[in-house]
Amino acid sequence: YSKKIFLNSKDIKKIYNSGHKIGLHSHSHPTQMSKLSKSQQENEYIRNFEQLTKLIGKSITTMSHPCGSYNKDTLDILSKLNIKIGFRSSLSEKHIRSNLEVPREDQANIFKIMIK
């Protein structure tokens, strides 16, 4: 079942080659990134960065915070990876401190509205 809902390397290359940006989202998708230690977060993002960079042959410059969870350590790690823009899963513009905290509507929120 998971093979039907998750992207594999071939899918990611196809999406990238059709003109879409590919961004980080972590290696194992922890739902509470902000509760991980800085070294655990580094591991998540560095592994994801290295895999995707190798896969598409270009450096990654975008990302989306898994479940909207992040903290100052997360932002520091992403800055060191030269990530230019990051999206959180909330339209709230409250507490935007950097281009790594751009508000957006999360697909999970849209899905919740659709099934009501």
Protein backbone atom coordinates (compact mmCIF):
# COMPACT_ATOMS: atom_id res chain seq x y z
CA TYR A 1 0.00 0.00 0.00
CA SER A 2 2.78 2.48 0.89
CA LYS A 3 4.28 2.12 -2.60
CA LYS A 4 1.10 3.72 -3.94
CA ILE A 5 1.16 6.80 -1.68
CA PHE A 6 4.87 7.62 -1.32
CA LEU A 7 7.16 8.96 -4.02
CA ASN A 8 10.13 6.89 -5.09
CA SER A 9 13.33 8.13 -6.78
CA LYS A 10 11.86 7.70 -10.26
CA ASP A 11 8.77 9.75 -9.30
CA ILE A 12 10.91 12.55 -7.83
CA LYS A 13 13.11 12.74 -10.94
CA LYS A 14 10.04 12.83 -13.19
CA ILE A 15 8.49 15.67 -11.17
CA TYR A 16 11.77 17.61 -11.17
CA ASN A 17 12.33 17.08 -14.89
CA SER A 18 8.83 18.37 -15.64
CA GLY A 19 9.80 21.75 -14.15
CA HIS A 20 8.86 21.52 -10.48
CA LYS A 21 11.05 22.51 -7.54
CA ILE A 22 12.08 19.72 -5.19
CA GLY A 23 12.53 20.67 -1.55
CA LEU A 24 13.51 19.19 1.78
CA HIS A 25 10.94 17.73 4.13
CA SER A 26 13.25 15.67 6.41
CA HIS A 27 14.49 12.11 6.05
CA SER A 28 12.00 10.20 8.21
CA HIS A 29 9.22 12.82 8.62
CA PRO A 30 9.16 13.29 12.40
CA THR A 31 5.87 14.92 13.33
CA GLN A 32 7.45 16.99 16.11
CA MET A 33 10.75 18.19 14.68
CA SER A 34 10.93 20.95 17.27
CA LYS A 35 11.23 18.34 20.04
CA LEU A 36 14.29 16.67 18.52
CA SER A 37 17.79 17.62 19.58
CA LYS A 38 19.80 19.83 17.25
CA SER A 39 21.95 16.85 16.19
CA GLN A 40 18.86 14.74 15.46
CA GLN A 41 17.43 17.56 13.35
CA GLU A 42 20.75 17.96 11.53
CA ASN A 43 20.70 14.25 10.74
CA GLU A 44 17.15 14.50 9.36
CA TYR A 45 17.89 17.45 7.08
CA ILE A 46 21.43 16.58 6.02
CA ARG A 47 20.39 13.06 4.99
CA ASN A 48 17.42 14.45 3.06
CA PHE A 49 19.57 17.18 1.47
CA GLU A 50 22.28 14.73 0.37
CA GLN A 51 19.79 12.22 -1.07
CA LEU A 52 17.85 14.78 -3.05
CA THR A 53 20.94 16.65 -4.28
CA LYS A 54 22.42 13.39 -5.52
CA LEU A 55 19.13 12.34 -7.10
CA ILE A 56 18.45 15.50 -9.11
CA GLY A 57 22.05 16.65 -9.55
CA LYS A 58 21.36 20.15 -8.20
CA SER A 59 21.55 21.73 -4.78
CA ILE A 60 18.24 21.99 -2.92
CA THR A 61 17.15 25.50 -1.91
CA THR A 62 13.54 25.05 -0.73
CA MET A 63 11.79 23.15 2.04
CA SER A 64 8.56 22.59 3.92
CA HIS A 65 8.44 21.98 7.69
CA PRO A 66 6.95 18.54 8.47
CA CYS A 67 3.65 19.14 10.27
CA GLY A 68 4.67 22.78 10.70
CA SER A 69 7.01 21.85 13.56
CA TYR A 70 10.33 23.68 13.85
CA ASN A 71 12.37 25.82 16.22
CA LYS A 72 15.42 28.09 16.20
CA ASP A 73 17.76 25.09 15.80
CA THR A 74 15.81 24.01 12.72
CA LEU A 75 16.15 27.46 11.16
CA ASP A 76 19.89 27.55 11.92
CA ILE A 77 20.39 24.13 10.29
CA LEU A 78 18.42 25.12 7.20
CA SER A 79 20.38 28.37 6.88
CA LYS A 80 23.66 26.44 7.02
CA LEU A 81 22.35 24.18 4.23
CA ASN A 82 21.73 27.35 2.18
CA ILE A 83 17.97 26.82 2.04
CA LYS A 84 16.48 30.03 0.64
CA ILE A 85 12.78 29.57 1.42
CA GLY A 86 10.85 27.41 3.85
CA PHE A 87 7.13 26.90 4.22
CA ARG A 88 5.18 26.18 7.36
CA SER A 89 1.75 24.55 7.47
CA SER A 90 -0.21 27.53 8.64
CA LEU A 91 -1.53 30.65 6.96
CA SER A 92 -0.91 32.62 10.14
CA GLU A 93 1.50 35.47 9.56
CA LYS A 94 2.20 35.72 13.28
CA HIS A 95 5.88 35.54 14.27
CA ILE A 96 7.42 35.41 10.79
CA ARG A 97 11.09 36.08 11.44
CA SER A 98 12.67 34.82 8.25
CA ASN A 99 12.16 33.54 4.72
CA LEU A 100 12.25 30.05 6.26
CA GLU A 101 8.81 30.61 7.84
CA VAL A 102 6.58 31.49 4.91
CA PRO A 103 2.91 30.79 5.68
CA ARG A 104 0.99 28.41 3.44
CA GLU A 105 -2.14 26.32 3.70
CA ASP A 106 -1.40 22.67 4.39
CA GLN A 107 -3.08 20.00 2.29
CA ALA A 108 -4.13 18.20 5.49
CA ASN A 109 -6.14 21.26 6.55
CA ILE A 110 -7.82 21.43 3.14
CA PHE A 111 -8.63 17.72 3.32
CA LYS A 112 -10.26 18.18 6.76
CA ILE A 113 -12.55 20.85 5.29
CA MET A 114 -13.42 18.69 2.30
CA ILE A 115 -14.57 15.69 4.37
CA LYS A 116 -16.87 17.67 6.67
